[in-house]
Amino acid sequence: MALALSAGFLLLFGAFIGLGEYALRESADETRNEYLVIARLAAAQIDARVSEAQTSLEQTDDAVSSST
């Protein structure tokens, strides 16, 4: 009887450990994906600003070149 009870507790304990590790892994994956979305949004903003600056510099270069 005591052996069966001990085995049951060990099985239950093992199940809780497995579920805890699964939940932790899922949480880490979700956090990583959120950071990836933020990084992609930031990169898109930076890319847009660099493109605007490049266009502005090209227009300024054209204006300076045509005025000389």
Protein backbone atom coordinates (compact mmCIF):
# COMPACT_ATOMS: atom_id res chain seq x y z
CA MET A 1 0.00 0.00 0.00
CA ALA A 2 2.74 2.44 0.96
CA LEU A 3 4.66 1.54 -2.17
CA ALA A 4 1.66 2.28 -4.39
CA LEU A 5 1.08 5.59 -2.60
CA SER A 6 4.74 6.55 -3.01
CA ALA A 7 4.65 5.61 -6.69
CA GLY A 8 1.49 7.69 -7.15
CA PHE A 9 3.09 10.72 -5.53
CA LEU A 10 6.21 10.32 -7.66
CA LEU A 11 4.08 10.06 -10.78
CA LEU A 12 2.10 13.14 -9.80
CA PHE A 13 5.27 15.03 -8.95
CA GLY A 14 6.81 14.05 -12.30
CA ALA A 15 3.69 15.22 -14.12
CA PHE A 16 3.83 18.61 -12.38
CA ILE A 17 7.51 18.97 -13.28
CA GLY A 18 6.78 18.12 -16.91
CA LEU A 19 3.88 20.55 -17.12
CA GLY A 20 5.94 23.27 -15.45
CA GLU A 21 8.78 22.85 -17.91
CA TYR A 22 6.32 22.90 -20.82
CA ALA A 23 4.70 26.11 -19.54
CA LEU A 24 8.10 27.72 -19.03
CA ARG A 25 9.20 26.79 -22.57
CA GLU A 26 5.97 28.16 -24.06
CA SER A 27 6.33 31.39 -22.10
CA ALA A 28 9.93 31.83 -23.27
CA ASP A 29 8.91 31.20 -26.88
CA GLU A 30 6.09 33.74 -26.64
CA THR A 31 8.39 36.35 -25.10
CA ARG A 32 11.00 35.75 -27.82
CA ASN A 33 8.35 36.14 -30.52
CA GLU A 34 7.15 39.41 -28.96
CA TYR A 35 10.72 40.76 -28.95
CA LEU A 36 11.09 39.68 -32.58
CA VAL A 37 7.96 41.61 -33.57
CA ILE A 38 9.23 44.71 -31.76
CA ALA A 39 12.62 44.40 -33.47
CA ARG A 40 10.99 44.07 -36.89
CA LEU A 41 8.84 47.14 -36.27
CA ALA A 42 11.86 49.14 -35.14
CA ALA A 43 13.84 47.99 -38.18
CA ALA A 44 11.01 49.03 -40.49
CA GLN A 45 10.93 52.49 -38.88
CA ILE A 46 14.70 52.87 -39.18
CA ASP A 47 14.59 51.70 -42.80
CA ALA A 48 11.90 54.27 -43.61
CA ARG A 49 13.91 57.07 -41.98
CA VAL A 50 17.08 56.09 -43.83
CA SER A 51 15.18 55.99 -47.13
CA GLU A 52 13.75 59.46 -46.45
CA ALA A 53 17.22 60.79 -45.62
CA GLN A 54 18.67 59.23 -48.77
CA THR A 55 15.93 60.76 -50.92
CA SER A 56 16.50 64.14 -49.30
CA LEU A 57 20.25 63.94 -49.87
CA GLU A 58 19.75 62.94 -53.50
CA GLN A 59 17.38 65.87 -54.06
CA THR A 60 19.84 68.24 -52.42
CA ASP A 61 22.66 66.86 -54.55
CA ASP A 62 20.57 67.31 -57.70
CA ALA A 63 19.72 70.88 -56.72
CA VAL A 64 23.34 71.76 -55.98
CA SER A 65 24.56 70.09 -59.17
CA SER A 66 22.06 71.88 -61.38
CA SER A 67 22.74 75.30 -59.82
CA THR A 68 26.45 75.22 -60.56
